[in-house]
Amino acid sequence: MENENEILEILKENQELMKQTYKSVEKTRKYFLYTAIVTVLMFILPLIGLIIIIPMFLDSYLGSLEGLI
């Protein structure tokens, strides 16, 4: 009978520890997800900006050279 009570107590303790571990893992997963999203945005947004800005810059630059050529 004592063994059963000890086993039940250990199982309850393990269950509580598993809940705490799950909460910690979920926080870590969300942290990595948000970090990945921010990293992708910090890489993609400047590329999109360059795709838009470079043709405008080249048009302006080459337009100013046309008078000299």
PDB file of N, CA and C in Angstrom:
ATOM      1  N   MET A   1       0.823  -1.194   0.000  1.00  0.00           N
ATOM      2  CA  MET A   1       0.000   0.000   0.000  1.00  0.00           C
ATOM      3  C   MET A   1       0.868   1.259   0.000  1.00  0.00           C
ATOM      4  N   GLU A   2       1.947   1.220   0.785  1.00  0.00           N
ATOM      5  CA  GLU A   2       2.837   2.379   0.843  1.00  0.00           C
ATOM      6  C   GLU A   2       3.516   2.597  -0.505  1.00  0.00           C
ATOM      7  N   ASN A   3       3.869   1.525  -1.166  1.00  0.00           N
ATOM      8  CA  ASN A   3       4.508   1.636  -2.466  1.00  0.00           C
ATOM      9  C   ASN A   3       3.587   2.319  -3.476  1.00  0.00           C
ATOM     10  N   GLU A   4       2.318   1.977  -3.412  1.00  0.00           N
ATOM     11  CA  GLU A   4       1.357   2.594  -4.327  1.00  0.00           C
ATOM     12  C   GLU A   4       1.252   4.088  -4.071  1.00  0.00           C
ATOM     13  N   ASN A   5       1.212   4.479  -2.828  1.00  0.00           N
ATOM     14  CA  ASN A   5       1.143   5.898  -2.492  1.00  0.00           C
ATOM     15  C   ASN A   5       2.403   6.639  -2.937  1.00  0.00           C
ATOM     16  N   GLU A   6       3.542   6.011  -2.758  1.00  0.00           N
ATOM     17  CA  GLU A   6       4.804   6.611  -3.201  1.00  0.00           C
ATOM     18  C   GLU A   6       4.819   6.771  -4.714  1.00  0.00           C
ATOM     19  N   ILE A   7       4.338   5.742  -5.399  1.00  0.00           N
ATOM     20  CA  ILE A   7       4.294   5.785  -6.862  1.00  0.00           C
ATOM     21  C   ILE A   7       3.343   6.876  -7.328  1.00  0.00           C
ATOM     22  N   LEU A   8       2.194   6.969  -6.709  1.00  0.00           N
ATOM     23  CA  LEU A   8       1.238   8.014  -7.075  1.00  0.00           C
ATOM     24  C   LEU A   8       1.812   9.403  -6.819  1.00  0.00           C
ATOM     25  N   GLU A   9       2.514   9.568  -5.724  1.00  0.00           N
ATOM     26  CA  GLU A   9       3.123  10.857  -5.401  1.00  0.00           C
ATOM     27  C   GLU A   9       4.198  11.205  -6.439  1.00  0.00           C
ATOM     28  N   ILE A  10       4.984  10.233  -6.814  1.00  0.00           N
ATOM     29  CA  ILE A  10       6.032  10.451  -7.821  1.00  0.00           C
ATOM     30  C   ILE A  10       5.399  10.792  -9.167  1.00  0.00           C
ATOM     31  N   LEU A  11       4.320  10.104  -9.509  1.00  0.00           N
ATOM     32  CA  LEU A  11       3.630  10.380 -10.769  1.00  0.00           C
ATOM     33  C   LEU A  11       3.052  11.801 -10.794  1.00  0.00           C
ATOM     34  N   LYS A  12       2.479  12.239  -9.686  1.00  0.00           N
ATOM     35  CA  LYS A  12       1.942  13.594  -9.606  1.00  0.00           C
ATOM     36  C   LYS A  12       3.055  14.621  -9.738  1.00  0.00           C
ATOM     37  N   GLU A  13       4.178  14.347  -9.093  1.00  0.00           N
ATOM     38  CA  GLU A  13       5.321  15.257  -9.180  1.00  0.00           C
ATOM     39  C   GLU A  13       5.853  15.317 -10.616  1.00  0.00           C
ATOM     40  N   ASN A  14       5.933  14.155 -11.261  1.00  0.00           N
ATOM     41  CA  ASN A  14       6.387  14.109 -12.652  1.00  0.00           C
ATOM     42  C   ASN A  14       5.432  14.855 -13.576  1.00  0.00           C
ATOM     43  N   GLN A  15       4.151  14.715 -13.318  1.00  0.00           N
ATOM     44  CA  GLN A  15       3.159  15.406 -14.137  1.00  0.00           C
ATOM     45  C   GLN A  15       3.318  16.920 -14.001  1.00  0.00           C
ATOM     46  N   GLU A  16       3.535  17.406 -12.801  1.00  0.00           N
ATOM     47  CA  GLU A  16       3.723  18.842 -12.576  1.00  0.00           C
ATOM     48  C   GLU A  16       4.996  19.326 -13.274  1.00  0.00           C
ATOM     49  N   LEU A  17       6.050  18.538 -13.175  1.00  0.00           N
ATOM     50  CA  LEU A  17       7.298  18.907 -13.840  1.00  0.00           C
ATOM     51  C   LEU A  17       7.128  18.913 -15.360  1.00  0.00           C
ATOM     52  N   MET A  18       6.353  17.984 -15.885  1.00  0.00           N
ATOM     53  CA  MET A  18       6.098  17.957 -17.322  1.00  0.00           C
ATOM     54  C   MET A  18       5.307  19.178 -17.760  1.00  0.00           C
ATOM     55  N   LYS A  19       4.354  19.620 -16.954  1.00  0.00           N
ATOM     56  CA  LYS A  19       3.592  20.829 -17.276  1.00  0.00           C
ATOM     57  C   LYS A  19       4.503  22.048 -17.305  1.00  0.00           C
ATOM     58  N   GLN A  20       5.404  22.145 -16.348  1.00  0.00           N
ATOM     59  CA  GLN A  20       6.340  23.264 -16.306  1.00  0.00           C
ATOM     60  C   GLN A  20       7.278  23.228 -17.516  1.00  0.00           C
ATOM     61  N   THR A  21       7.738  22.032 -17.863  1.00  0.00           N
ATOM     62  CA  THR A  21       8.617  21.887 -19.030  1.00  0.00           C
ATOM     63  C   THR A  21       7.879  22.277 -20.298  1.00  0.00           C
ATOM     64  N   TYR A  22       6.627  21.884 -20.424  1.00  0.00           N
ATOM     65  CA  TYR A  22       5.830  22.224 -21.599  1.00  0.00           C
ATOM     66  C   TYR A  22       5.682  23.738 -21.731  1.00  0.00           C
ATOM     67  N   LYS A  23       5.402  24.413 -20.621  1.00  0.00           N
ATOM     68  CA  LYS A  23       5.271  25.868 -20.649  1.00  0.00           C
ATOM     69  C   LYS A  23       6.580  26.511 -21.104  1.00  0.00           C
ATOM     70  N   SER A  24       7.673  26.023 -20.598  1.00  0.00           N
ATOM     71  CA  SER A  24       8.988  26.557 -20.961  1.00  0.00           C
ATOM     72  C   SER A  24       9.283  26.324 -22.440  1.00  0.00           C
ATOM     73  N   VAL A  25       8.976  25.143 -22.926  1.00  0.00           N
ATOM     74  CA  VAL A  25       9.218  24.814 -24.333  1.00  0.00           C
ATOM     75  C   VAL A  25       8.348  25.688 -25.231  1.00  0.00           C
ATOM     76  N   GLU A  26       7.112  25.924 -24.851  1.00  0.00           N
ATOM     77  CA  GLU A  26       6.229  26.775 -25.652  1.00  0.00           C
ATOM     78  C   GLU A  26       6.754  28.209 -25.710  1.00  0.00           C
ATOM     79  N   LYS A  27       7.251  28.729 -24.602  1.00  0.00           N
ATOM     80  CA  LYS A  27       7.828  30.078 -24.601  1.00  0.00           C
ATOM     81  C   LYS A  27       9.039  30.138 -25.517  1.00  0.00           C
ATOM     82  N   THR A  28       9.873  29.106 -25.464  1.00  0.00           N
ATOM     83  CA  THR A  28      11.058  29.063 -26.316  1.00  0.00           C
ATOM     84  C   THR A  28      10.671  28.958 -27.779  1.00  0.00           C
ATOM     85  N   ARG A  29       9.663  28.145 -28.083  1.00  0.00           N
ATOM     86  CA  ARG A  29       9.201  27.997 -29.468  1.00  0.00           C
ATOM     87  C   ARG A  29       8.697  29.319 -30.017  1.00  0.00           C
ATOM     88  N   LYS A  30       7.908  30.039 -29.212  1.00  0.00           N
ATOM     89  CA  LYS A  30       7.397  31.336 -29.649  1.00  0.00           C
ATOM     90  C   LYS A  30       8.530  32.337 -29.848  1.00  0.00           C
ATOM     91  N   TYR A  31       9.521  32.306 -28.959  1.00  0.00           N
ATOM     92  CA  TYR A  31      10.668  33.196 -29.088  1.00  0.00           C
ATOM     93  C   TYR A  31      11.392  32.934 -30.408  1.00  0.00           C
ATOM     94  N   PHE A  32      11.639  31.662 -30.722  1.00  0.00           N
ATOM     95  CA  PHE A  32      12.312  31.329 -31.973  1.00  0.00           C
ATOM     96  C   PHE A  32      11.459  31.710 -33.180  1.00  0.00           C
ATOM     97  N   LEU A  33      10.169  31.523 -33.109  1.00  0.00           N
ATOM     98  CA  LEU A  33       9.283  31.886 -34.210  1.00  0.00           C
ATOM     99  C   LEU A  33       9.339  33.384 -34.472  1.00  0.00           C
ATOM    100  N   TYR A  34       9.202  34.198 -33.422  1.00  0.00           N
ATOM    101  CA  TYR A  34       9.247  35.642 -33.594  1.00  0.00           C
ATOM    102  C   TYR A  34      10.615  36.103 -34.076  1.00  0.00           C
ATOM    103  N   THR A  35      11.673  35.465 -33.598  1.00  0.00           N
ATOM    104  CA  THR A  35      13.014  35.812 -34.053  1.00  0.00           C
ATOM    105  C   THR A  35      13.179  35.491 -35.539  1.00  0.00           C
ATOM    106  N   ALA A  36      12.660  34.360 -35.967  1.00  0.00           N
ATOM    107  CA  ALA A  36      12.749  33.981 -37.381  1.00  0.00           C
ATOM    108  C   ALA A  36      11.956  34.952 -38.250  1.00  0.00           C
ATOM    109  N   ILE A  37      10.765  35.342 -37.809  1.00  0.00           N
ATOM    110  CA  ILE A  37       9.950  36.277 -38.578  1.00  0.00           C
ATOM    111  C   ILE A  37      10.660  37.618 -38.708  1.00  0.00           C
ATOM    112  N   VAL A  38      11.195  38.128 -37.616  1.00  0.00           N
ATOM    113  CA  VAL A  38      11.896  39.418 -37.645  1.00  0.00           C
ATOM    114  C   VAL A  38      13.130  39.333 -38.532  1.00  0.00           C
ATOM    115  N   THR A  39      13.863  38.235 -38.458  1.00  0.00           N
ATOM    116  CA  THR A  39      15.049  38.067 -39.291  1.00  0.00           C
ATOM    117  C   THR A  39      14.685  38.075 -40.770  1.00  0.00           C
ATOM    118  N   VAL A  40      13.648  37.353 -41.132  1.00  0.00           N
ATOM    119  CA  VAL A  40      13.216  37.318 -42.532  1.00  0.00           C
ATOM    120  C   VAL A  40      12.773  38.708 -42.977  1.00  0.00           C
ATOM    121  N   LEU A  41      12.021  39.397 -42.149  1.00  0.00           N
ATOM    122  CA  LEU A  41      11.574  40.743 -42.519  1.00  0.00           C
ATOM    123  C   LEU A  41      12.741  41.700 -42.679  1.00  0.00           C
ATOM    124  N   MET A  42      13.732  41.598 -41.808  1.00  0.00           N
ATOM    125  CA  MET A  42      14.885  42.490 -41.893  1.00  0.00           C
ATOM    126  C   MET A  42      15.735  42.191 -43.131  1.00  0.00           C
ATOM    127  N   PHE A  43      15.600  41.017 -43.705  1.00  0.00           N
ATOM    128  CA  PHE A  43      16.326  40.680 -44.918  1.00  0.00           C
ATOM    129  C   PHE A  43      15.494  40.980 -46.165  1.00  0.00           C
ATOM    130  N   ILE A  44      14.219  40.661 -46.141  1.00  0.00           N
ATOM    131  CA  ILE A  44      13.361  40.792 -47.313  1.00  0.00           C
ATOM    132  C   ILE A  44      12.977  42.254 -47.580  1.00  0.00           C
ATOM    133  N   LEU A  45      12.623  42.999 -46.546  1.00  0.00           N
ATOM    134  CA  LEU A  45      12.192  44.381 -46.762  1.00  0.00           C
ATOM    135  C   LEU A  45      13.259  45.245 -47.423  1.00  0.00           C
ATOM    136  N   PRO A  46      14.519  45.179 -46.992  1.00  0.00           N
ATOM    137  CA  PRO A  46      15.529  45.952 -47.725  1.00  0.00           C
ATOM    138  C   PRO A  46      15.692  45.499 -49.178  1.00  0.00           C
ATOM    139  N   LEU A  47      15.565  44.209 -49.440  1.00  0.00           N
ATOM    140  CA  LEU A  47      15.648  43.740 -50.832  1.00  0.00           C
ATOM    141  C   LEU A  47      14.522  44.327 -51.678  1.00  0.00           C
ATOM    142  N   ILE A  48      13.327  44.349 -51.131  1.00  0.00           N
ATOM    143  CA  ILE A  48      12.201  44.937 -51.859  1.00  0.00           C
ATOM    144  C   ILE A  48      12.448  46.422 -52.085  1.00  0.00           C
ATOM    145  N   GLY A  49      12.971  47.088 -51.057  1.00  0.00           N
ATOM    146  CA  GLY A  49      13.297  48.510 -51.205  1.00  0.00           C
ATOM    147  C   GLY A  49      14.336  48.734 -52.277  1.00  0.00           C
ATOM    148  N   LEU A  50      15.355  47.892 -52.326  1.00  0.00           N
ATOM    149  CA  LEU A  50      16.385  48.040 -53.362  1.00  0.00           C
ATOM    150  C   LEU A  50      15.821  47.798 -54.753  1.00  0.00           C
ATOM    151  N   ILE A  51      14.928  46.847 -54.874  1.00  0.00           N
ATOM    152  CA  ILE A  51      14.314  46.566 -56.175  1.00  0.00           C
ATOM    153  C   ILE A  51      13.541  47.788 -56.665  1.00  0.00           C
ATOM    154  N   ILE A  52      12.964  48.539 -55.769  1.00  0.00           N
ATOM    155  CA  ILE A  52      12.196  49.728 -56.151  1.00  0.00           C
ATOM    156  C   ILE A  52      13.111  50.939 -56.339  1.00  0.00           C
ATOM    157  N   ILE A  53      14.095  51.119 -55.465  1.00  0.00           N
ATOM    158  CA  ILE A  53      14.931  52.321 -55.461  1.00  0.00           C
ATOM    159  C   ILE A  53      15.986  52.310 -56.560  1.00  0.00           C
ATOM    160  N   ILE A  54      16.610  51.173 -56.834  1.00  0.00           N
ATOM    161  CA  ILE A  54      17.707  51.140 -57.816  1.00  0.00           C
ATOM    162  C   ILE A  54      17.254  51.592 -59.205  1.00  0.00           C
ATOM    163  N   PRO A  55      16.128  51.113 -59.734  1.00  0.00           N
ATOM    164  CA  PRO A  55      15.722  51.626 -61.056  1.00  0.00           C
ATOM    165  C   PRO A  55      15.461  53.141 -61.040  1.00  0.00           C
ATOM    166  N   MET A  56      14.885  53.649 -59.958  1.00  0.00           N
ATOM    167  CA  MET A  56      14.643  55.093 -59.870  1.00  0.00           C
ATOM    168  C   MET A  56      15.974  55.849 -59.850  1.00  0.00           C
ATOM    169  N   PHE A  57      16.937  55.338 -59.106  1.00  0.00           N
ATOM    170  CA  PHE A  57      18.247  55.976 -59.028  1.00  0.00           C
ATOM    171  C   PHE A  57      18.940  55.947 -60.386  1.00  0.00           C
ATOM    172  N   LEU A  58      18.892  54.783 -61.059  1.00  0.00           N
ATOM    173  CA  LEU A  58      19.539  54.677 -62.364  1.00  0.00           C
ATOM    174  C   LEU A  58      18.904  55.603 -63.386  1.00  0.00           C
ATOM    175  N   ASP A  59      17.576  55.715 -63.392  1.00  0.00           N
ATOM    176  CA  ASP A  59      16.899  56.637 -64.300  1.00  0.00           C
ATOM    177  C   ASP A  59      17.358  58.068 -64.046  1.00  0.00           C
ATOM    178  N   SER A  60      17.411  58.443 -62.810  1.00  0.00           N
ATOM    179  CA  SER A  60      17.839  59.789 -62.456  1.00  0.00           C
ATOM    180  C   SER A  60      19.301  60.021 -62.827  1.00  0.00           C
ATOM    181  N   TYR A  61      20.147  59.067 -62.522  1.00  0.00           N
ATOM    182  CA  TYR A  61      21.582  59.194 -62.792  1.00  0.00           C
ATOM    183  C   TYR A  61      21.856  59.226 -64.294  1.00  0.00           C
ATOM    184  N   LEU A  62      21.244  58.306 -65.033  1.00  0.00           N
ATOM    185  CA  LEU A  62      21.458  58.277 -66.477  1.00  0.00           C
ATOM    186  C   LEU A  62      20.804  59.469 -67.158  1.00  0.00           C
ATOM    187  N   GLY A  63      19.709  59.948 -66.599  1.00  0.00           N
ATOM    188  CA  GLY A  63      19.063  61.148 -67.146  1.00  0.00           C
ATOM    189  C   GLY A  63      19.963  62.363 -67.017  1.00  0.00           C
ATOM    190  N   SER A  64      20.693  62.463 -65.928  1.00  0.00           N
ATOM    191  CA  SER A  64      21.592  63.591 -65.754  1.00  0.00           C
ATOM    192  C   SER A  64      22.829  63.476 -66.657  1.00  0.00           C
ATOM    193  N   LEU A  65      23.195  62.277 -67.046  1.00  0.00           N
ATOM    194  CA  LEU A  65      24.339  62.080 -67.947  1.00  0.00           C
ATOM    195  C   LEU A  65      23.996  62.306 -69.398  1.00  0.00           C
ATOM    196  N   GLU A  66      22.715  62.232 -69.746  1.00  0.00           N
ATOM    197  CA  GLU A  66      22.318  62.386 -71.153  1.00  0.00           C
ATOM    198  C   GLU A  66      22.721  63.738 -71.715  1.00  0.00           C
ATOM    199  N   GLY A  67      22.649  64.753 -70.907  1.00  0.00           N
ATOM    200  CA  GLY A  67      23.030  66.083 -71.382  1.00  0.00           C
ATOM    201  C   GLY A  67      24.517  66.202 -71.630  1.00  0.00           C
ATOM    202  N   LEU A  68      25.324  65.400 -71.020  1.00  0.00           N
ATOM    203  CA  LEU A  68      26.763  65.471 -71.181  1.00  0.00           C
ATOM    204  C   LEU A  68      27.255  64.646 -72.366  1.00  0.00           C
ATOM    205  N   ILE A  69      26.470  63.662 -72.776  1.00  0.00           N
ATOM    206  CA  ILE A  69      26.913  62.767 -73.851  1.00  0.00           C
ATOM    207  C   ILE A  69      26.487  63.286 -75.197  1.00  0.00           C
TER     208      ILE A  69
END
